Full PDB file with SEQRES, HELIX, SHEET, SSBOND, CRYST1, ORIGX, SCALE, CONECT and MASTER records, all heavy atoms in Angstrom:
SEQRES   1 A   33  PRO ASP PHE VAL ARG PHE ILE ALA ASP LYS GLN VAL ARG          
SEQRES   2 A   33  SER LEU ALA GLN ALA GLN GLN TYR LEU MET HIS GLY PRO          
SEQRES   3 A   33  MET ALA SER TYR ALA ALA ASN                                  
HELIX    1 AA1 ASP A    2  ASP A    2  1                                   1    
HELIX    2 AA2 PHE A    3  ILE A    7  3                                   5    
HELIX    3 AA3 LEU A   15  HIS A   24  1                                  10    
HELIX    4 AA4 PRO A   26  ALA A   32  1                                   7    
CRYST1    1.000    1.000    1.000  90.00  90.00  90.00 P 1           1          
ORIGX1      1.000000  0.000000  0.000000        0.00000                         
ORIGX2      0.000000  1.000000  0.000000        0.00000                         
ORIGX3      0.000000  0.000000  1.000000        0.00000                         
SCALE1      1.000000  0.000000  0.000000        0.00000                         
SCALE2      0.000000  1.000000  0.000000        0.00000                         
SCALE3      0.000000  0.000000  1.000000        0.00000                         
ATOM      1  N   PRO A   1     -69.558 129.537 121.101  1.00  0.00           N  
ATOM      2  CA  PRO A   1     -68.885 128.362 120.565  1.00  0.00           C  
ATOM      3  C   PRO A   1     -69.468 127.836 119.229  1.00  0.00           C  
ATOM      4  O   PRO A   1     -68.657 127.404 118.340  1.00  0.00           O  
ATOM      5  CB  PRO A   1     -69.100 127.291 121.670  1.00  0.00           C  
ATOM      6  CG  PRO A   1     -69.212 128.089 122.960  1.00  0.00           C  
ATOM      7  CD  PRO A   1     -69.980 129.371 122.490  1.00  0.00           C  
ATOM      8  N   ASP A   2     -70.710 127.934 118.962  1.00  0.00           N  
ATOM      9  CA  ASP A   2     -71.275 127.507 117.675  1.00  0.00           C  
ATOM     10  C   ASP A   2     -70.884 128.514 116.561  1.00  0.00           C  
ATOM     11  O   ASP A   2     -70.696 128.043 115.428  1.00  0.00           O  
ATOM     12  CB  ASP A   2     -72.777 127.320 117.790  1.00  0.00           C  
ATOM     13  CG  ASP A   2     -73.203 126.125 118.497  1.00  0.00           C  
ATOM     14  OD1 ASP A   2     -72.360 125.102 118.536  1.00  0.00           O  
ATOM     15  OD2 ASP A   2     -74.300 126.052 119.033  1.00  0.00           O  
ATOM     16  N   PHE A   3     -70.810 129.781 116.899  1.00  0.00           N  
ATOM     17  CA  PHE A   3     -70.327 130.744 115.867  1.00  0.00           C  
ATOM     18  C   PHE A   3     -68.902 130.396 115.449  1.00  0.00           C  
ATOM     19  O   PHE A   3     -68.528 130.295 114.284  1.00  0.00           O  
ATOM     20  CB  PHE A   3     -70.372 132.177 116.432  1.00  0.00           C  
ATOM     21  CG  PHE A   3     -70.173 133.239 115.400  1.00  0.00           C  
ATOM     22  CD1 PHE A   3     -71.137 133.903 114.742  1.00  0.00           C  
ATOM     23  CD2 PHE A   3     -68.850 133.534 114.966  1.00  0.00           C  
ATOM     24  CE1 PHE A   3     -70.955 134.906 113.808  1.00  0.00           C  
ATOM     25  CE2 PHE A   3     -68.579 134.488 114.025  1.00  0.00           C  
ATOM     26  CZ  PHE A   3     -69.573 135.171 113.422  1.00  0.00           C  
ATOM     27  N   VAL A   4     -68.045 130.161 116.423  1.00  0.00           N  
ATOM     28  CA  VAL A   4     -66.636 129.851 116.208  1.00  0.00           C  
ATOM     29  C   VAL A   4     -66.537 128.498 115.389  1.00  0.00           C  
ATOM     30  O   VAL A   4     -65.767 128.418 114.438  1.00  0.00           O  
ATOM     31  CB  VAL A   4     -65.881 129.811 117.465  1.00  0.00           C  
ATOM     32  CG1 VAL A   4     -64.396 129.307 117.223  1.00  0.00           C  
ATOM     33  CG2 VAL A   4     -65.809 131.168 118.171  1.00  0.00           C  
ATOM     34  N   ARG A   5     -67.337 127.581 115.790  1.00  0.00           N  
ATOM     35  CA  ARG A   5     -67.277 126.238 115.146  1.00  0.00           C  
ATOM     36  C   ARG A   5     -67.796 126.228 113.674  1.00  0.00           C  
ATOM     37  O   ARG A   5     -67.157 125.662 112.825  1.00  0.00           O  
ATOM     38  CB  ARG A   5     -68.079 125.245 115.957  1.00  0.00           C  
ATOM     39  CG  ARG A   5     -68.153 123.851 115.348  1.00  0.00           C  
ATOM     40  CD  ARG A   5     -68.988 122.889 116.184  1.00  0.00           C  
ATOM     41  NE  ARG A   5     -69.129 121.657 115.468  1.00  0.00           N  
ATOM     42  CZ  ARG A   5     -70.123 120.848 115.685  1.00  0.00           C  
ATOM     43  NH1 ARG A   5     -71.099 121.086 116.511  1.00  0.00           N  
ATOM     44  NH2 ARG A   5     -70.235 119.706 115.023  1.00  0.00           N  
ATOM     45  N   PHE A   6     -68.954 126.845 113.494  1.00  0.00           N  
ATOM     46  CA  PHE A   6     -69.596 126.720 112.222  1.00  0.00           C  
ATOM     47  C   PHE A   6     -69.299 127.895 111.234  1.00  0.00           C  
ATOM     48  O   PHE A   6     -69.552 127.775 110.071  1.00  0.00           O  
ATOM     49  CB  PHE A   6     -71.105 126.557 112.399  1.00  0.00           C  
ATOM     50  CG  PHE A   6     -71.505 125.204 112.925  1.00  0.00           C  
ATOM     51  CD1 PHE A   6     -72.239 125.141 114.081  1.00  0.00           C  
ATOM     52  CD2 PHE A   6     -71.081 124.017 112.320  1.00  0.00           C  
ATOM     53  CE1 PHE A   6     -72.616 123.887 114.630  1.00  0.00           C  
ATOM     54  CE2 PHE A   6     -71.479 122.818 112.789  1.00  0.00           C  
ATOM     55  CZ  PHE A   6     -72.236 122.715 113.970  1.00  0.00           C  
ATOM     56  N   ILE A   7     -68.979 129.037 111.803  1.00  0.00           N  
ATOM     57  CA  ILE A   7     -68.761 130.193 110.901  1.00  0.00           C  
ATOM     58  C   ILE A   7     -67.311 130.566 110.882  1.00  0.00           C  
ATOM     59  O   ILE A   7     -66.650 130.369 109.843  1.00  0.00           O  
ATOM     60  CB  ILE A   7     -69.644 131.406 111.382  1.00  0.00           C  
ATOM     61  CG1 ILE A   7     -71.095 130.996 111.313  1.00  0.00           C  
ATOM     62  CG2 ILE A   7     -69.392 132.684 110.525  1.00  0.00           C  
ATOM     63  CD1 ILE A   7     -72.077 131.994 111.901  1.00  0.00           C  
ATOM     64  N   ALA A   8     -66.772 131.117 111.942  1.00  0.00           N  
ATOM     65  CA  ALA A   8     -65.347 131.455 111.982  1.00  0.00           C  
ATOM     66  C   ALA A   8     -64.976 132.058 113.342  1.00  0.00           C  
ATOM     67  O   ALA A   8     -65.845 132.591 114.025  1.00  0.00           O  
ATOM     68  CB  ALA A   8     -65.036 132.481 110.893  1.00  0.00           C  
ATOM     69  N   ASP A   9     -63.693 131.892 113.644  1.00  0.00           N  
ATOM     70  CA  ASP A   9     -63.216 132.555 114.836  1.00  0.00           C  
ATOM     71  C   ASP A   9     -62.646 133.925 114.340  1.00  0.00           C  
ATOM     72  O   ASP A   9     -61.611 133.970 113.712  1.00  0.00           O  
ATOM     73  CB  ASP A   9     -62.107 131.730 115.491  1.00  0.00           C  
ATOM     74  CG  ASP A   9     -61.597 132.368 116.799  1.00  0.00           C  
ATOM     75  OD1 ASP A   9     -61.983 133.571 117.145  1.00  0.00           O  
ATOM     76  OD2 ASP A   9     -60.827 131.740 117.522  1.00  0.00           O  
ATOM     77  N   LYS A  10     -63.363 134.933 114.580  1.00  0.00           N  
ATOM     78  CA  LYS A  10     -63.029 136.287 114.102  1.00  0.00           C  
ATOM     79  C   LYS A  10     -61.933 136.919 114.982  1.00  0.00           C  
ATOM     80  O   LYS A  10     -61.488 138.019 114.661  1.00  0.00           O  
ATOM     81  CB  LYS A  10     -64.274 137.209 114.089  1.00  0.00           C  
ATOM     82  CG  LYS A  10     -65.390 136.732 113.182  1.00  0.00           C  
ATOM     83  CD  LYS A  10     -65.020 136.821 111.713  1.00  0.00           C  
ATOM     84  CE  LYS A  10     -66.186 136.481 110.835  1.00  0.00           C  
ATOM     85  NZ  LYS A  10     -65.848 136.625 109.441  1.00  0.00           N  
ATOM     86  N   GLN A  11     -61.496 136.263 116.035  1.00  0.00           N  
ATOM     87  CA  GLN A  11     -60.450 136.723 116.879  1.00  0.00           C  
ATOM     88  C   GLN A  11     -60.784 138.103 117.498  1.00  0.00           C  
ATOM     89  O   GLN A  11     -59.973 138.933 117.723  1.00  0.00           O  
ATOM     90  CB  GLN A  11     -59.077 136.909 116.117  1.00  0.00           C  
ATOM     91  CG  GLN A  11     -58.582 135.580 115.607  1.00  0.00           C  
ATOM     92  CD  GLN A  11     -58.152 134.601 116.696  1.00  0.00           C  
ATOM     93  OE1 GLN A  11     -57.422 135.003 117.635  1.00  0.00           O  
ATOM     94  NE2 GLN A  11     -58.587 133.343 116.588  1.00  0.00           N  
ATOM     95  N   VAL A  12     -62.070 138.226 117.825  1.00  0.00           N  
ATOM     96  CA  VAL A  12     -62.575 139.454 118.496  1.00  0.00           C  
ATOM     97  C   VAL A  12     -62.770 139.153 119.985  1.00  0.00           C  
ATOM     98  O   VAL A  12     -63.591 138.310 120.349  1.00  0.00           O  
ATOM     99  CB  VAL A  12     -63.926 139.892 117.880  1.00  0.00           C  
ATOM    100  CG1 VAL A  12     -64.590 141.033 118.719  1.00  0.00           C  
ATOM    101  CG2 VAL A  12     -63.741 140.306 116.503  1.00  0.00           C  
ATOM    102  N   ARG A  13     -61.900 139.714 120.798  1.00  0.00           N  
ATOM    103  CA  ARG A  13     -61.880 139.410 122.252  1.00  0.00           C  
ATOM    104  C   ARG A  13     -62.081 140.558 123.183  1.00  0.00           C  
ATOM    105  O   ARG A  13     -62.102 140.329 124.456  1.00  0.00           O  
ATOM    106  CB  ARG A  13     -60.492 138.745 122.587  1.00  0.00           C  
ATOM    107  CG  ARG A  13     -60.230 137.557 121.742  1.00  0.00           C  
ATOM    108  CD  ARG A  13     -61.100 136.359 122.078  1.00  0.00           C  
ATOM    109  NE  ARG A  13     -60.592 135.164 121.381  1.00  0.00           N  
ATOM    110  CZ  ARG A  13     -61.149 134.666 120.266  1.00  0.00           C  
ATOM    111  NH1 ARG A  13     -62.209 135.248 119.753  1.00  0.00           N  
ATOM    112  NH2 ARG A  13     -60.690 133.578 119.624  1.00  0.00           N  
ATOM    113  N   SER A  14     -62.277 141.743 122.635  1.00  0.00           N  
ATOM    114  CA  SER A  14     -62.500 142.924 123.476  1.00  0.00           C  
ATOM    115  C   SER A  14     -63.585 143.830 122.816  1.00  0.00           C  
ATOM    116  O   SER A  14     -63.880 143.710 121.668  1.00  0.00           O  
ATOM    117  CB  SER A  14     -61.173 143.705 123.613  1.00  0.00           C  
ATOM    118  OG  SER A  14     -60.845 144.341 122.414  1.00  0.00           O  
ATOM    119  N   LEU A  15     -64.079 144.754 123.621  1.00  0.00           N  
ATOM    120  CA  LEU A  15     -65.020 145.695 123.068  1.00  0.00           C  
ATOM    121  C   LEU A  15     -64.424 146.517 121.965  1.00  0.00           C  
ATOM    122  O   LEU A  15     -65.049 146.797 120.960  1.00  0.00           O  
ATOM    123  CB  LEU A  15     -65.536 146.619 124.194  1.00  0.00           C  
ATOM    124  CG  LEU A  15     -66.545 145.980 125.146  1.00  0.00           C  
ATOM    125  CD1 LEU A  15     -66.951 147.040 126.244  1.00  0.00           C  
ATOM    126  CD2 LEU A  15     -67.799 145.548 124.422  1.00  0.00           C  
ATOM    127  N   ALA A  16     -63.185 146.937 122.084  1.00  0.00           N  
ATOM    128  CA  ALA A  16     -62.527 147.702 121.089  1.00  0.00           C  
ATOM    129  C   ALA A  16     -62.461 146.905 119.764  1.00  0.00           C  
ATOM    130  O   ALA A  16     -62.660 147.402 118.702  1.00  0.00           O  
ATOM    131  CB  ALA A  16     -61.148 148.176 121.468  1.00  0.00           C  
ATOM    132  N   GLN A  17     -62.141 145.609 119.888  1.00  0.00           N  
ATOM    133  CA  GLN A  17     -62.061 144.768 118.736  1.00  0.00           C  
ATOM    134  C   GLN A  17     -63.452 144.560 118.104  1.00  0.00           C  
ATOM    135  O   GLN A  17     -63.615 144.485 116.865  1.00  0.00           O  
ATOM    136  CB  GLN A  17     -61.435 143.416 119.004  1.00  0.00           C  
ATOM    137  CG  GLN A  17     -59.950 143.484 119.331  1.00  0.00           C  
ATOM    138  CD  GLN A  17     -59.368 142.186 119.796  1.00  0.00           C  
ATOM    139  OE1 GLN A  17     -59.988 141.461 120.546  1.00  0.00           O  
ATOM    140  NE2 GLN A  17     -58.087 141.901 119.463  1.00  0.00           N  
ATOM    141  N   ALA A  18     -64.475 144.461 118.915  1.00  0.00           N  
ATOM    142  CA  ALA A  18     -65.872 144.314 118.427  1.00  0.00           C  
ATOM    143  C   ALA A  18     -66.252 145.608 117.696  1.00  0.00           C  
ATOM    144  O   ALA A  18     -66.936 145.501 116.623  1.00  0.00           O  
ATOM    145  CB  ALA A  18     -66.841 144.072 119.557  1.00  0.00           C  
ATOM    146  N   GLN A  19     -65.840 146.718 118.140  1.00  0.00           N  
ATOM    147  CA  GLN A  19     -66.111 148.014 117.431  1.00  0.00           C  
ATOM    148  C   GLN A  19     -65.375 148.061 116.091  1.00  0.00           C  
ATOM    149  O   GLN A  19     -65.976 148.459 115.088  1.00  0.00           O  
ATOM    150  CB  GLN A  19     -65.741 149.227 118.285  1.00  0.00           C  
ATOM    151  CG  GLN A  19     -66.678 149.474 119.416  1.00  0.00           C  
ATOM    152  CD  GLN A  19     -66.248 150.635 120.332  1.00  0.00           C  
ATOM    153  OE1 GLN A  19     -65.031 150.895 120.463  1.00  0.00           O  
ATOM    154  NE2 GLN A  19     -67.192 151.222 121.008  1.00  0.00           N  
ATOM    155  N   GLN A  20     -64.165 147.565 116.080  1.00  0.00           N  
ATOM    156  CA  GLN A  20     -63.383 147.472 114.809  1.00  0.00           C  
ATOM    157  C   GLN A  20     -64.051 146.539 113.870  1.00  0.00           C  
ATOM    158  O   GLN A  20     -64.163 146.793 112.689  1.00  0.00           O  
ATOM    159  CB  GLN A  20     -61.965 147.037 115.125  1.00  0.00           C  
ATOM    160  CG  GLN A  20     -61.101 148.117 115.817  1.00  0.00           C  
ATOM    161  CD  GLN A  20     -60.886 149.322 114.934  1.00  0.00           C  
ATOM    162  OE1 GLN A  20     -60.592 149.269 113.745  1.00  0.00           O  
ATOM    163  NE2 GLN A  20     -61.111 150.486 115.532  1.00  0.00           N  
ATOM    164  N   TYR A  21     -64.519 145.412 114.374  1.00  0.00           N  
ATOM    165  CA  TYR A  21     -65.251 144.424 113.519  1.00  0.00           C  
ATOM    166  C   TYR A  21     -66.497 145.077 112.938  1.00  0.00           C  
ATOM    167  O   TYR A  21     -66.693 144.954 111.719  1.00  0.00           O  
ATOM    168  CB  TYR A  21     -65.694 143.229 114.345  1.00  0.00           C  
ATOM    169  CG  TYR A  21     -66.663 142.291 113.606  1.00  0.00           C  
ATOM    170  CD1 TYR A  21     -66.236 141.458 112.664  1.00  0.00           C  
ATOM    171  CD2 TYR A  21     -68.060 142.463 113.793  1.00  0.00           C  
ATOM    172  CE1 TYR A  21     -67.142 140.594 111.968  1.00  0.00           C  
ATOM    173  CE2 TYR A  21     -69.030 141.725 113.160  1.00  0.00           C  
ATOM    174  CZ  TYR A  21     -68.547 140.812 112.206  1.00  0.00           C  
ATOM    175  OH  TYR A  21     -69.418 140.050 111.519  1.00  0.00           O  
ATOM    176  N   LEU A  22     -67.224 145.803 113.702  1.00  0.00           N  
ATOM    177  CA  LEU A  22     -68.444 146.514 113.185  1.00  0.00           C  
ATOM    178  C   LEU A  22     -68.051 147.559 112.124  1.00  0.00           C  
ATOM    179  O   LEU A  22     -68.690 147.621 111.035  1.00  0.00           O  
ATOM    180  CB  LEU A  22     -69.200 147.157 114.266  1.00  0.00           C  
ATOM    181  CG  LEU A  22     -69.956 146.206 115.165  1.00  0.00           C  
ATOM    182  CD1 LEU A  22     -70.471 146.922 116.438  1.00  0.00           C  
ATOM    183  CD2 LEU A  22     -71.072 145.509 114.436  1.00  0.00           C  
ATOM    184  N   MET A  23     -67.032 148.336 112.379  1.00  0.00           N  
ATOM    185  CA  MET A  23     -66.631 149.423 111.450  1.00  0.00           C  
ATOM    186  C   MET A  23     -66.094 148.806 110.144  1.00  0.00           C  
ATOM    187  O   MET A  23     -66.411 149.353 109.043  1.00  0.00           O  
ATOM    188  CB  MET A  23     -65.544 150.349 112.078  1.00  0.00           C  
ATOM    189  CG  MET A  23     -66.171 151.228 113.125  1.00  0.00           C  
ATOM    190  SD  MET A  23     -65.028 152.536 113.747  1.00  0.00           S  
ATOM    191  CE  MET A  23     -63.801 151.579 114.556  1.00  0.00           C  
ATOM    192  N   HIS A  24     -65.316 147.763 110.207  1.00  0.00           N  
ATOM    193  CA  HIS A  24     -64.691 147.258 109.020  1.00  0.00           C  
ATOM    194  C   HIS A  24     -65.444 146.095 108.332  1.00  0.00           C  
ATOM    195  O   HIS A  24     -65.012 145.635 107.303  1.00  0.00           O  
ATOM    196  CB  HIS A  24     -63.192 146.809 109.378  1.00  0.00           C  
ATOM    197  CG  HIS A  24     -62.329 147.917 109.796  1.00  0.00           C  
ATOM    198  ND1 HIS A  24     -61.901 148.967 108.929  1.00  0.00           N  
ATOM    199  CD2 HIS A  24     -61.881 148.269 111.052  1.00  0.00           C  
ATOM    200  CE1 HIS A  24     -61.205 149.828 109.669  1.00  0.00           C  
ATOM    201  NE2 HIS A  24     -61.192 149.419 110.913  1.00  0.00           N  
ATOM    202  N   GLY A  25     -66.464 145.635 109.022  1.00  0.00           N  
ATOM    203  CA  GLY A  25     -67.298 144.601 108.533  1.00  0.00           C  
ATOM    204  C   GLY A  25     -68.656 145.101 108.085  1.00  0.00           C  
ATOM    205  O   GLY A  25     -68.827 145.673 107.014  1.00  0.00           O  
ATOM    206  N   PRO A  26     -69.658 144.979 108.924  1.00  0.00           N  
ATOM    207  CA  PRO A  26     -71.007 145.392 108.554  1.00  0.00           C  
ATOM    208  C   PRO A  26     -71.134 146.861 108.137  1.00  0.00           C  
ATOM    209  O   PRO A  26     -71.747 147.198 107.123  1.00  0.00           O  
ATOM    210  CB  PRO A  26     -71.869 145.133 109.838  1.00  0.00           C  
ATOM    211  CG  PRO A  26     -71.133 143.996 110.454  1.00  0.00           C  
ATOM    212  CD  PRO A  26     -69.683 144.224 110.267  1.00  0.00           C  
ATOM    213  N   MET A  27     -70.532 147.792 108.897  1.00  0.00           N  
ATOM    214  CA  MET A  27     -70.664 149.212 108.532  1.00  0.00           C  
ATOM    215  C   MET A  27     -69.947 149.567 107.264  1.00  0.00           C  
ATOM    216  O   MET A  27     -70.494 150.364 106.435  1.00  0.00           O  
ATOM    217  CB  MET A  27     -70.206 150.086 109.676  1.00  0.00           C  
ATOM    218  CG  MET A  27     -70.982 149.969 110.944  1.00  0.00           C  
ATOM    219  SD  MET A  27     -70.195 150.736 112.335  1.00  0.00           S  
ATOM    220  CE  MET A  27     -71.573 151.464 113.093  1.00  0.00           C  
ATOM    221  N   ALA A  28     -68.810 148.935 106.946  1.00  0.00           N  
ATOM    222  CA  ALA A  28     -68.160 149.152 105.687  1.00  0.00           C  
ATOM    223  C   ALA A  28     -68.958 148.600 104.550  1.00  0.00           C  
ATOM    224  O   ALA A  28     -69.010 149.214 103.443  1.00  0.00           O  
ATOM    225  CB  ALA A  28     -66.753 148.527 105.763  1.00  0.00           C  
ATOM    226  N   SER A  29     -69.602 147.494 104.811  1.00  0.00           N  
ATOM    227  CA  SER A  29     -70.513 146.943 103.770  1.00  0.00           C  
ATOM    228  C   SER A  29     -71.695 147.787 103.391  1.00  0.00           C  
ATOM    229  O   SER A  29     -72.119 147.899 102.228  1.00  0.00           O  
ATOM    230  CB  SER A  29     -70.949 145.522 104.181  1.00  0.00           C  
ATOM    231  OG  SER A  29     -71.701 144.934 103.165  1.00  0.00           O  
ATOM    232  N   TYR A  30     -72.289 148.379 104.467  1.00  0.00           N  
ATOM    233  CA  TYR A  30     -73.392 149.335 104.251  1.00  0.00           C  
ATOM    234  C   TYR A  30     -72.937 150.410 103.230  1.00  0.00           C  
ATOM    235  O   TYR A  30     -73.696 150.802 102.295  1.00  0.00           O  
ATOM    236  CB  TYR A  30     -73.889 149.946 105.522  1.00  0.00           C  
ATOM    237  CG  TYR A  30     -74.285 149.057 106.613  1.00  0.00           C  
ATOM    238  CD1 TYR A  30     -74.190 149.466 108.006  1.00  0.00           C  
ATOM    239  CD2 TYR A  30     -74.733 147.748 106.431  1.00  0.00           C  
ATOM    240  CE1 TYR A  30     -74.513 148.698 109.003  1.00  0.00           C  
ATOM    241  CE2 TYR A  30     -75.108 146.968 107.504  1.00  0.00           C  
ATOM    242  CZ  TYR A  30     -74.936 147.432 108.827  1.00  0.00           C  
ATOM    243  OH  TYR A  30     -75.277 146.602 109.881  1.00  0.00           O  
ATOM    244  N   ALA A  31     -71.739 150.957 103.542  1.00  0.00           N  
ATOM    245  CA  ALA A  31     -71.220 152.097 102.745  1.00  0.00           C  
ATOM    246  C   ALA A  31     -70.903 151.602 101.336  1.00  0.00           C  
ATOM    247  O   ALA A  31     -71.260 152.329 100.392  1.00  0.00           O  
ATOM    248  CB  ALA A  31     -70.023 152.696 103.407  1.00  0.00           C  
ATOM    249  N   ALA A  32     -70.337 150.471 101.180  1.00  0.00           N  
ATOM    250  CA  ALA A  32     -69.820 150.003  99.880  1.00  0.00           C  
ATOM    251  C   ALA A  32     -71.011 149.354  99.005  1.00  0.00           C  
ATOM    252  O   ALA A  32     -71.037 149.551  97.810  1.00  0.00           O  
ATOM    253  CB  ALA A  32     -68.737 148.980  99.987  1.00  0.00           C  
ATOM    254  N   ASN A  33     -71.876 148.621  99.680  1.00  0.00           N  
ATOM    255  CA  ASN A  33     -72.882 147.863  98.965  1.00  0.00           C  
ATOM    256  C   ASN A  33     -74.316 148.270  99.150  1.00  0.00           C  
ATOM    257  O   ASN A  33     -75.168 147.865  98.448  1.00  0.00           O  
ATOM    258  CB  ASN A  33     -72.785 146.410  99.378  1.00  0.00           C  
ATOM    259  CG  ASN A  33     -71.420 145.867  99.162  1.00  0.00           C  
ATOM    260  OD1 ASN A  33     -70.838 145.949  98.036  1.00  0.00           O  
ATOM    261  ND2 ASN A  33     -70.826 145.247 100.187  1.00  0.00           N  
TER     262      ASN A  33                                                      
MASTER        0    0    0    4    0    0    0    6  261    1    0    3          
END                                                                             
């Protein structure tokens, strides 16, 4: 709840969505930056 309140609701509700978040968020940033 504090993540959603203070950062954002990323709309990640399943393990598959969490994997997509990792691939298109942190992991994509490692590759790009």
